[in-house]
Amino acid sequence: MSICKTHYVIARNALALCDEAISSRYRRLLQAIALAMTMRRFEVKKVLFLILATGILMTTTACASVTPTQDVQPTLLSTDAPPASAPTLESDPVFPALTKVIELSTVPALKDDLFSQMGIALPVPACSALTQQQTEGPYYKPNTPERISLFEDGMTGTRLILVGYVLDQNCFPLTNAWLDFWQADANGEYDNAGYRLRGHQFTDAQGRYYLETILPGIYASRPIRHIHVKVRPEGGAEVTSQLYFPDQPIDGLTVTIEERGDTLVGYFNFMVEK
């Protein structure tokens, strides 16, 4: 195909693309230019070529405002320049992750607040051996109330906050593990008629427990401070044991004590088989 015919085809395609956006005056101008390009005279072709270039530039500007419809599909004339407005690729929508909410206990989840309020940060557990089994003793009562505080108004004795983890044999925290505590009061006496200084709770989502109580007293038949406890992981076997204090330590069952004014904070981690 000759150069003249090529120019004629370009002009014709420009007319088809911009048929809705270009005025009749511009269309007649392009038609005249396209026909003139078929002339053989060199000088006329040279001049009209410049006019053609100007006309195409004008039509390209006009075409930028044309919105394609389903009936008219625009044809890209050149690969040297991108279209006036390139389509924007939209990213896939991001949906929030769905998490299953598990109810751990009937007691409101206040442990995060209590740890924060008391400024208690549990140290990384050092797991060495499973928690030792110890005798239940004669004062255990089942069906204790669910609560994290055994302290009551008018109760005498040194306030004690006991905290820690319940861990499995691989040192992983256990969620919703059951703990049941019972102990003597500051005078070394048990409440066998009611549930004073008795209560159970469940570990939180991080495997932690938080117990507010008092330092137990010593009684004549067993002159050593101790707190009784039963621990049962969800779906696991129950462990019955006792916790002791640094003034009369028992290997593997002694609470680490931190003094905070008139309050003691005790740390102990239970390690049980799941």
C-alpha atoms as a PDB file:
ATOM      1  CA  MET A   1       0.000   0.000   0.000  1.00  0.00           C
ATOM      2  CA  SER A   2       1.343   3.479  -0.974  1.00  0.00           C
ATOM      3  CA  ILE A   3       1.979   6.199   1.626  1.00  0.00           C
ATOM      4  CA  CYS A   4      -0.968   8.187   0.323  1.00  0.00           C
ATOM      5  CA  LYS A   5      -3.357   5.310   0.714  1.00  0.00           C
ATOM      6  CA  THR A   6      -2.027   4.680   4.243  1.00  0.00           C
ATOM      7  CA  HIS A   7      -2.754   8.274   5.181  1.00  0.00           C
ATOM      8  CA  TYR A   8      -6.230   7.951   3.737  1.00  0.00           C
ATOM      9  CA  VAL A   9      -6.909   4.836   5.879  1.00  0.00           C
ATOM     10  CA  ILE A  10      -5.659   6.626   9.029  1.00  0.00           C
ATOM     11  CA  ALA A  11      -7.982   9.531   8.383  1.00  0.00           C
ATOM     12  CA  ARG A  12     -10.894   7.235   7.700  1.00  0.00           C
ATOM     13  CA  ASN A  13     -10.283   5.321  10.965  1.00  0.00           C
ATOM     14  CA  ALA A  14     -10.061   8.576  12.868  1.00  0.00           C
ATOM     15  CA  LEU A  15     -13.446   9.541  11.460  1.00  0.00           C
ATOM     16  CA  ALA A  16     -14.974   6.228  12.535  1.00  0.00           C
ATOM     17  CA  LEU A  17     -13.543   6.509  16.057  1.00  0.00           C
ATOM     18  CA  CYS A  18     -14.641  10.062  16.686  1.00  0.00           C
ATOM     19  CA  ASP A  19     -17.896  10.079  14.747  1.00  0.00           C
ATOM     20  CA  GLU A  20     -19.897  11.170  17.798  1.00  0.00           C
ATOM     21  CA  ALA A  21     -17.405  13.753  19.153  1.00  0.00           C
ATOM     22  CA  ILE A  22     -16.235  15.650  16.015  1.00  0.00           C
ATOM     23  CA  SER A  23     -18.331  18.321  14.411  1.00  0.00           C
ATOM     24  CA  SER A  24     -19.371  18.121  10.798  1.00  0.00           C
ATOM     25  CA  ARG A  25     -16.916  20.894   9.972  1.00  0.00           C
ATOM     26  CA  TYR A  26     -13.970  18.788  11.146  1.00  0.00           C
ATOM     27  CA  ARG A  27     -15.257  15.712   9.328  1.00  0.00           C
ATOM     28  CA  ARG A  28     -15.481  17.582   6.025  1.00  0.00           C
ATOM     29  CA  LEU A  29     -11.960  18.905   6.591  1.00  0.00           C
ATOM     30  CA  LEU A  30     -10.577  15.401   7.161  1.00  0.00           C
ATOM     31  CA  GLN A  31     -12.409  14.057   4.132  1.00  0.00           C
ATOM     32  CA  ALA A  32     -10.899  16.745   1.948  1.00  0.00           C
ATOM     33  CA  ILE A  33      -7.451  16.085   3.384  1.00  0.00           C
ATOM     34  CA  ALA A  34      -7.767  12.356   2.855  1.00  0.00           C
ATOM     35  CA  LEU A  35      -8.752  12.826  -0.804  1.00  0.00           C
ATOM     36  CA  ALA A  36      -5.998  15.338  -1.383  1.00  0.00           C
ATOM     37  CA  MET A  37      -3.446  12.843  -0.114  1.00  0.00           C
ATOM     38  CA  THR A  38      -4.166  10.680  -3.149  1.00  0.00           C
ATOM     39  CA  MET A  39      -2.811  13.430  -5.473  1.00  0.00           C
ATOM     40  CA  ARG A  40       0.515  12.828  -7.130  1.00  0.00           C
ATOM     41  CA  ARG A  41       1.869  16.328  -6.899  1.00  0.00           C
ATOM     42  CA  PHE A  42       4.693  16.418  -4.387  1.00  0.00           C
ATOM     43  CA  GLU A  43       4.217  19.983  -3.221  1.00  0.00           C
ATOM     44  CA  VAL A  44       0.496  19.611  -2.571  1.00  0.00           C
ATOM     45  CA  LYS A  45       1.048  16.399  -0.668  1.00  0.00           C
ATOM     46  CA  LYS A  46       3.725  18.021   1.493  1.00  0.00           C
ATOM     47  CA  VAL A  47       1.495  20.913   2.511  1.00  0.00           C
ATOM     48  CA  LEU A  48      -1.572  18.784   3.074  1.00  0.00           C
ATOM     49  CA  PHE A  49       0.445  16.325   5.148  1.00  0.00           C
ATOM     50  CA  LEU A  50       1.103  19.091   7.663  1.00  0.00           C
ATOM     51  CA  ILE A  51      -2.591  19.970   7.656  1.00  0.00           C
ATOM     52  CA  LEU A  52      -3.451  16.313   8.171  1.00  0.00           C
ATOM     53  CA  ALA A  53      -1.145  16.061  11.191  1.00  0.00           C
ATOM     54  CA  THR A  54      -2.748  19.138  12.725  1.00  0.00           C
ATOM     55  CA  GLY A  55      -6.245  17.807  12.051  1.00  0.00           C
ATOM     56  CA  ILE A  56      -5.458  14.422  13.596  1.00  0.00           C
ATOM     57  CA  LEU A  57      -4.077  16.150  16.692  1.00  0.00           C
ATOM     58  CA  MET A  58      -7.347  18.095  17.006  1.00  0.00           C
ATOM     59  CA  THR A  59      -9.454  14.976  16.561  1.00  0.00           C
ATOM     60  CA  THR A  60      -7.394  13.071  19.143  1.00  0.00           C
ATOM     61  CA  THR A  61      -8.088  15.824  21.683  1.00  0.00           C
ATOM     62  CA  ALA A  62     -11.794  15.695  20.897  1.00  0.00           C
ATOM     63  CA  CYS A  63     -11.858  11.917  21.158  1.00  0.00           C
ATOM     64  CA  ALA A  64     -10.543  12.042  24.707  1.00  0.00           C
ATOM     65  CA  SER A  65     -13.972  13.135  25.905  1.00  0.00           C
ATOM     66  CA  VAL A  66     -15.854  10.343  24.130  1.00  0.00           C
ATOM     67  CA  THR A  67     -17.302   7.666  26.424  1.00  0.00           C
ATOM     68  CA  PRO A  68     -17.281   4.254  24.696  1.00  0.00           C
ATOM     69  CA  THR A  69     -20.612   2.494  24.478  1.00  0.00           C
ATOM     70  CA  GLN A  70     -21.439  -1.093  23.897  1.00  0.00           C
ATOM     71  CA  ASP A  71     -22.165  -0.353  20.220  1.00  0.00           C
ATOM     72  CA  VAL A  72     -18.909   1.473  19.467  1.00  0.00           C
ATOM     73  CA  GLN A  73     -15.608  -0.178  20.356  1.00  0.00           C
ATOM     74  CA  PRO A  74     -12.691   2.258  19.967  1.00  0.00           C
ATOM     75  CA  THR A  75      -9.573   1.046  18.161  1.00  0.00           C
ATOM     76  CA  LEU A  76      -6.146   1.997  19.475  1.00  0.00           C
ATOM     77  CA  LEU A  77      -4.273   3.716  16.624  1.00  0.00           C
ATOM     78  CA  SER A  78      -0.822   3.707  18.107  1.00  0.00           C
ATOM     79  CA  THR A  79       1.070   1.748  20.725  1.00  0.00           C
ATOM     80  CA  ASP A  80       3.494   4.598  21.406  1.00  0.00           C
ATOM     81  CA  ALA A  81       1.180   6.366  23.854  1.00  0.00           C
ATOM     82  CA  PRO A  82      -1.333   4.960  26.337  1.00  0.00           C
ATOM     83  CA  PRO A  83      -5.015   5.957  26.178  1.00  0.00           C
ATOM     84  CA  ALA A  84      -6.025   9.186  27.893  1.00  0.00           C
ATOM     85  CA  SER A  85      -7.378   7.371  30.947  1.00  0.00           C
ATOM     86  CA  ALA A  86      -6.130   3.848  31.620  1.00  0.00           C
ATOM     87  CA  PRO A  87      -8.475   1.563  33.560  1.00  0.00           C
ATOM     88  CA  THR A  88      -7.607   1.197  37.239  1.00  0.00           C
ATOM     89  CA  LEU A  89      -7.302  -2.336  38.578  1.00  0.00           C
ATOM     90  CA  GLU A  90      -9.241  -2.732  41.789  1.00  0.00           C
ATOM     91  CA  SER A  91      -7.779  -4.930  44.487  1.00  0.00           C
ATOM     92  CA  ASP A  92      -9.808  -7.811  45.850  1.00  0.00           C
ATOM     93  CA  PRO A  93     -11.948  -6.834  48.838  1.00  0.00           C
ATOM     94  CA  VAL A  94     -10.445  -7.663  52.231  1.00  0.00           C
ATOM     95  CA  PHE A  95     -12.807  -9.334  54.655  1.00  0.00           C
ATOM     96  CA  PRO A  96     -12.170  -9.441  58.413  1.00  0.00           C
ATOM     97  CA  ALA A  97     -10.993 -12.758  59.775  1.00  0.00           C
ATOM     98  CA  LEU A  98     -13.721 -14.721  61.461  1.00  0.00           C
ATOM     99  CA  THR A  99     -12.823 -15.866  64.946  1.00  0.00           C
ATOM    100  CA  LYS A 100     -14.756 -18.297  67.011  1.00  0.00           C
ATOM    101  CA  VAL A 101     -15.760 -16.906  70.381  1.00  0.00           C
ATOM    102  CA  ILE A 102     -15.441 -19.469  73.137  1.00  0.00           C
ATOM    103  CA  GLU A 103     -17.125 -18.868  76.464  1.00  0.00           C
ATOM    104  CA  LEU A 104     -14.587 -19.843  79.089  1.00  0.00           C
ATOM    105  CA  SER A 105     -16.543 -19.121  82.227  1.00  0.00           C
ATOM    106  CA  THR A 106     -19.749 -17.676  83.599  1.00  0.00           C
ATOM    107  CA  VAL A 107     -17.701 -15.064  85.493  1.00  0.00           C
ATOM    108  CA  PRO A 108     -17.117 -11.806  83.536  1.00  0.00           C
ATOM    109  CA  ALA A 109     -13.690 -11.712  81.878  1.00  0.00           C
ATOM    110  CA  LEU A 110     -11.970  -9.205  84.170  1.00  0.00           C
ATOM    111  CA  LYS A 111      -8.552 -10.835  84.420  1.00  0.00           C
ATOM    112  CA  ASP A 112      -6.901  -8.584  81.849  1.00  0.00           C
ATOM    113  CA  ASP A 113      -8.039  -5.545  83.818  1.00  0.00           C
ATOM    114  CA  LEU A 114      -6.917  -7.040  87.133  1.00  0.00           C
ATOM    115  CA  PHE A 115      -3.457  -7.902  85.843  1.00  0.00           C
ATOM    116  CA  SER A 116      -3.141  -4.386  84.423  1.00  0.00           C
ATOM    117  CA  GLN A 117      -4.493  -2.662  87.524  1.00  0.00           C
ATOM    118  CA  MET A 118      -2.077  -4.510  89.767  1.00  0.00           C
ATOM    119  CA  GLY A 119       0.821  -4.080  87.331  1.00  0.00           C
ATOM    120  CA  ILE A 120       1.361  -7.832  87.242  1.00  0.00           C
ATOM    121  CA  ALA A 121       3.282  -9.278  84.302  1.00  0.00           C
ATOM    122  CA  LEU A 122       3.771 -13.019  84.438  1.00  0.00           C
ATOM    123  CA  PRO A 123       7.338 -14.139  83.727  1.00  0.00           C
ATOM    124  CA  VAL A 124       8.015 -16.619  80.961  1.00  0.00           C
ATOM    125  CA  PRO A 125       7.332 -20.048  82.511  1.00  0.00           C
ATOM    126  CA  ALA A 126      10.240 -22.393  83.112  1.00  0.00           C
ATOM    127  CA  CYS A 127       8.792 -25.866  82.692  1.00  0.00           C
ATOM    128  CA  SER A 128      10.670 -28.727  84.284  1.00  0.00           C
ATOM    129  CA  ALA A 129       8.287 -31.265  85.785  1.00  0.00           C
ATOM    130  CA  LEU A 130       4.608 -31.967  86.203  1.00  0.00           C
ATOM    131  CA  THR A 131       2.910 -30.599  89.317  1.00  0.00           C
ATOM    132  CA  GLN A 132       3.159 -33.116  92.139  1.00  0.00           C
ATOM    133  CA  GLN A 133       0.074 -34.855  93.440  1.00  0.00           C
ATOM    134  CA  GLN A 134      -0.664 -34.331  97.148  1.00  0.00           C
ATOM    135  CA  THR A 135      -3.336 -35.483  99.532  1.00  0.00           C
ATOM    136  CA  GLU A 136      -6.763 -33.909  99.336  1.00  0.00           C
ATOM    137  CA  GLY A 137      -7.159 -33.763 103.103  1.00  0.00           C
ATOM    138  CA  PRO A 138     -10.373 -33.968 105.126  1.00  0.00           C
ATOM    139  CA  TYR A 139     -11.812 -30.523 104.357  1.00  0.00           C
ATOM    140  CA  TYR A 140     -12.595 -30.599 100.642  1.00  0.00           C
ATOM    141  CA  LYS A 141     -16.147 -29.677  99.540  1.00  0.00           C
ATOM    142  CA  PRO A 142     -17.354 -29.988  95.931  1.00  0.00           C
ATOM    143  CA  ASN A 143     -19.648 -27.586  94.096  1.00  0.00           C
ATOM    144  CA  THR A 144     -17.878 -24.449  95.264  1.00  0.00           C
ATOM    145  CA  PRO A 145     -18.969 -21.055  93.859  1.00  0.00           C
ATOM    146  CA  GLU A 146     -17.219 -19.792  90.772  1.00  0.00           C
ATOM    147  CA  ARG A 147     -15.208 -16.693  91.677  1.00  0.00           C
ATOM    148  CA  ILE A 148     -11.706 -15.251  91.458  1.00  0.00           C
ATOM    149  CA  SER A 149     -11.804 -13.532  94.858  1.00  0.00           C
ATOM    150  CA  LEU A 150     -12.175 -15.425  98.129  1.00  0.00           C
ATOM    151  CA  PHE A 151     -11.684 -12.246 100.142  1.00  0.00           C
ATOM    152  CA  GLU A 152     -14.746 -10.995 102.036  1.00  0.00           C
ATOM    153  CA  ASP A 153     -15.542  -7.845 104.000  1.00  0.00           C
ATOM    154  CA  GLY A 154     -14.393  -8.080 107.598  1.00  0.00           C
ATOM    155  CA  MET A 155     -11.941 -10.877 106.832  1.00  0.00           C
ATOM    156  CA  THR A 156      -8.657 -10.575 108.763  1.00  0.00           C
ATOM    157  CA  GLY A 157      -5.244 -11.616 107.515  1.00  0.00           C
ATOM    158  CA  THR A 158      -2.618 -10.568 104.996  1.00  0.00           C
ATOM    159  CA  ARG A 159      -4.024 -10.034 101.535  1.00  0.00           C
ATOM    160  CA  LEU A 160      -2.585 -12.448  98.964  1.00  0.00           C
ATOM    161  CA  ILE A 161      -2.920 -12.362  95.193  1.00  0.00           C
ATOM    162  CA  LEU A 162      -1.963 -15.674  93.620  1.00  0.00           C
ATOM    163  CA  VAL A 163      -1.321 -15.732  89.865  1.00  0.00           C
ATOM    164  CA  GLY A 164       0.226 -17.951  87.235  1.00  0.00           C
ATOM    165  CA  TYR A 165      -0.345 -20.251  84.266  1.00  0.00           C
ATOM    166  CA  VAL A 166      -1.785 -23.702  83.808  1.00  0.00           C
ATOM    167  CA  LEU A 167       0.466 -25.453  81.273  1.00  0.00           C
ATOM    168  CA  ASP A 168       0.461 -28.816  79.544  1.00  0.00           C
ATOM    169  CA  GLN A 169       3.356 -31.279  79.476  1.00  0.00           C
ATOM    170  CA  ASN A 170       4.842 -29.402  76.502  1.00  0.00           C
ATOM    171  CA  CYS A 171       4.733 -26.080  78.370  1.00  0.00           C
ATOM    172  CA  PHE A 172       1.832 -24.689  76.334  1.00  0.00           C
ATOM    173  CA  PRO A 173      -0.781 -22.587  78.204  1.00  0.00           C
ATOM    174  CA  LEU A 174      -4.131 -24.290  78.672  1.00  0.00           C
ATOM    175  CA  THR A 175      -7.294 -22.296  78.098  1.00  0.00           C
ATOM    176  CA  ASN A 176     -10.389 -22.978  80.204  1.00  0.00           C
ATOM    177  CA  ALA A 177      -8.594 -25.207  82.695  1.00  0.00           C
ATOM    178  CA  TRP A 178     -10.560 -25.661  85.940  1.00  0.00           C
ATOM    179  CA  LEU A 179      -8.978 -24.779  89.301  1.00  0.00           C
ATOM    180  CA  ASP A 180     -10.675 -25.296  92.669  1.00  0.00           C
ATOM    181  CA  PHE A 181      -9.070 -23.658  95.744  1.00  0.00           C
ATOM    182  CA  TRP A 182      -9.810 -24.104  99.451  1.00  0.00           C
ATOM    183  CA  GLN A 183      -7.849 -23.078 102.541  1.00  0.00           C
ATOM    184  CA  ALA A 184      -7.891 -22.174 106.242  1.00  0.00           C
ATOM    185  CA  ASP A 185      -8.403 -18.588 107.403  1.00  0.00           C
ATOM    186  CA  ALA A 186      -5.804 -16.487 109.228  1.00  0.00           C
ATOM    187  CA  ASN A 187      -6.543 -18.406 112.452  1.00  0.00           C
ATOM    188  CA  GLY A 188      -6.021 -21.806 110.813  1.00  0.00           C
ATOM    189  CA  GLU A 189      -9.730 -22.697 110.678  1.00  0.00           C
ATOM    190  CA  TYR A 190     -11.723 -24.118 107.739  1.00  0.00           C
ATOM    191  CA  ASP A 191     -15.331 -23.246 107.011  1.00  0.00           C
ATOM    192  CA  ASN A 192     -16.969 -26.663 106.798  1.00  0.00           C
ATOM    193  CA  ALA A 193     -20.526 -25.320 106.989  1.00  0.00           C
ATOM    194  CA  GLY A 194     -20.359 -22.892 104.054  1.00  0.00           C
ATOM    195  CA  TYR A 195     -17.974 -21.839 101.312  1.00  0.00           C
ATOM    196  CA  ARG A 196     -15.838 -19.216 103.005  1.00  0.00           C
ATOM    197  CA  LEU A 197     -12.349 -19.219 101.427  1.00  0.00           C
ATOM    198  CA  ARG A 198     -13.491 -21.742  98.853  1.00  0.00           C
ATOM    199  CA  GLY A 199     -14.067 -21.224  95.146  1.00  0.00           C
ATOM    200  CA  HIS A 200     -13.283 -22.390  91.644  1.00  0.00           C
ATOM    201  CA  GLN A 201     -12.416 -20.584  88.416  1.00  0.00           C
ATOM    202  CA  PHE A 202     -11.175 -21.177  84.860  1.00  0.00           C
ATOM    203  CA  THR A 203      -8.038 -20.015  83.112  1.00  0.00           C
ATOM    204  CA  ASP A 204      -8.439 -17.242  80.561  1.00  0.00           C
ATOM    205  CA  ALA A 205      -7.546 -17.225  76.858  1.00  0.00           C
ATOM    206  CA  GLN A 206      -3.846 -16.984  77.772  1.00  0.00           C
ATOM    207  CA  GLY A 207      -3.977 -19.873  80.205  1.00  0.00           C
ATOM    208  CA  ARG A 208      -3.735 -17.600  83.272  1.00  0.00           C
ATOM    209  CA  TYR A 209      -5.490 -17.732  86.629  1.00  0.00           C
ATOM    210  CA  TYR A 210      -5.926 -14.930  89.191  1.00  0.00           C
ATOM    211  CA  LEU A 211      -6.919 -15.611  92.786  1.00  0.00           C
ATOM    212  CA  GLU A 212      -7.461 -12.986  95.475  1.00  0.00           C
ATOM    213  CA  THR A 213      -7.368 -14.441  99.002  1.00  0.00           C
ATOM    214  CA  ILE A 214      -5.469 -14.167 102.294  1.00  0.00           C
ATOM    215  CA  LEU A 215      -2.353 -15.826 103.635  1.00  0.00           C
ATOM    216  CA  PRO A 216      -3.571 -19.035 105.333  1.00  0.00           C
ATOM    217  CA  GLY A 217      -2.940 -19.567 109.028  1.00  0.00           C
ATOM    218  CA  ILE A 218      -1.340 -22.551 110.739  1.00  0.00           C
ATOM    219  CA  TYR A 219      -3.334 -25.063 112.790  1.00  0.00           C
ATOM    220  CA  ALA A 220      -2.093 -27.456 115.425  1.00  0.00           C
ATOM    221  CA  SER A 221      -2.591 -30.720 113.532  1.00  0.00           C
ATOM    222  CA  ARG A 222      -0.557 -29.445 110.576  1.00  0.00           C
ATOM    223  CA  PRO A 223       1.749 -26.526 111.408  1.00  0.00           C
ATOM    224  CA  ILE A 224       2.633 -25.398 107.866  1.00  0.00           C
ATOM    225  CA  ARG A 225       0.984 -22.750 105.679  1.00  0.00           C
ATOM    226  CA  HIS A 226      -0.652 -24.251 102.609  1.00  0.00           C
ATOM    227  CA  ILE A 227      -3.466 -23.791 100.100  1.00  0.00           C
ATOM    228  CA  HIS A 228      -5.274 -26.794  98.642  1.00  0.00           C
ATOM    229  CA  VAL A 229      -6.006 -26.912  94.929  1.00  0.00           C
ATOM    230  CA  LYS A 230      -7.442 -29.200  92.288  1.00  0.00           C
ATOM    231  CA  VAL A 231      -6.531 -28.595  88.647  1.00  0.00           C
ATOM    232  CA  ARG A 232      -8.265 -30.201  85.679  1.00  0.00           C
ATOM    233  CA  PRO A 233      -7.416 -29.282  82.082  1.00  0.00           C
ATOM    234  CA  GLU A 234     -10.276 -29.373  79.610  1.00  0.00           C
ATOM    235  CA  GLY A 235     -10.567 -32.997  78.538  1.00  0.00           C
ATOM    236  CA  GLY A 236      -7.706 -34.066  80.835  1.00  0.00           C
ATOM    237  CA  ALA A 237      -7.158 -35.785  84.181  1.00  0.00           C
ATOM    238  CA  GLU A 238      -7.583 -34.017  87.516  1.00  0.00           C
ATOM    239  CA  VAL A 239      -4.563 -33.223  89.692  1.00  0.00           C
ATOM    240  CA  THR A 240      -4.927 -32.637  93.440  1.00  0.00           C
ATOM    241  CA  SER A 241      -2.084 -30.766  95.101  1.00  0.00           C
ATOM    242  CA  GLN A 242      -1.097 -28.104  97.662  1.00  0.00           C
ATOM    243  CA  LEU A 243       0.883 -24.870  97.530  1.00  0.00           C
ATOM    244  CA  TYR A 244       3.412 -23.817 100.176  1.00  0.00           C
ATOM    245  CA  PHE A 245       5.313 -20.657 101.106  1.00  0.00           C
ATOM    246  CA  PRO A 246       8.971 -19.627 101.278  1.00  0.00           C
ATOM    247  CA  ASP A 247       9.152 -19.683 105.104  1.00  0.00           C
ATOM    248  CA  GLN A 248       8.466 -23.464 104.947  1.00  0.00           C
ATOM    249  CA  PRO A 249       9.307 -24.488 101.362  1.00  0.00           C
ATOM    250  CA  ILE A 250       8.382 -27.784  99.713  1.00  0.00           C
ATOM    251  CA  ASP A 251      10.390 -28.632  96.602  1.00  0.00           C
ATOM    252  CA  GLY A 252       8.385 -28.040  93.406  1.00  0.00           C
ATOM    253  CA  LEU A 253       5.329 -26.676  95.216  1.00  0.00           C
ATOM    254  CA  THR A 254       6.553 -23.401  96.727  1.00  0.00           C
ATOM    255  CA  VAL A 255       5.007 -20.091  95.717  1.00  0.00           C
ATOM    256  CA  THR A 256       7.365 -17.262  94.763  1.00  0.00           C
ATOM    257  CA  ILE A 257       6.394 -14.235  96.874  1.00  0.00           C
ATOM    258  CA  GLU A 258       6.693 -10.545  95.999  1.00  0.00           C
ATOM    259  CA  GLU A 259       5.864  -7.944  98.652  1.00  0.00           C
ATOM    260  CA  ARG A 260       3.847  -4.891  97.600  1.00  0.00           C
ATOM    261  CA  GLY A 261       3.113  -2.868 100.686  1.00  0.00           C
ATOM    262  CA  ASP A 262       0.449  -4.640 102.708  1.00  0.00           C
ATOM    263  CA  THR A 263      -0.253  -7.077  99.846  1.00  0.00           C
ATOM    264  CA  LEU A 264       1.656 -10.175  98.803  1.00  0.00           C
ATOM    265  CA  VAL A 265       1.760 -11.327  95.170  1.00  0.00           C
ATOM    266  CA  GLY A 266       2.465 -15.022  94.752  1.00  0.00           C
ATOM    267  CA  TYR A 267       3.526 -16.688  91.493  1.00  0.00           C
ATOM    268  CA  PHE A 268       3.028 -20.360  90.716  1.00  0.00           C
ATOM    269  CA  ASN A 269       2.591 -22.275  87.456  1.00  0.00           C
ATOM    270  CA  PHE A 270       0.788 -25.596  87.314  1.00  0.00           C
ATOM    271  CA  MET A 271       2.005 -28.149  84.788  1.00  0.00           C
ATOM    272  CA  VAL A 272      -0.403 -31.011  84.040  1.00  0.00           C
ATOM    273  CA  GLU A 273      -0.921 -33.665  81.389  1.00  0.00           C
ATOM    274  CA  LYS A 274      -3.469 -32.834  78.732  1.00  0.00           C
END
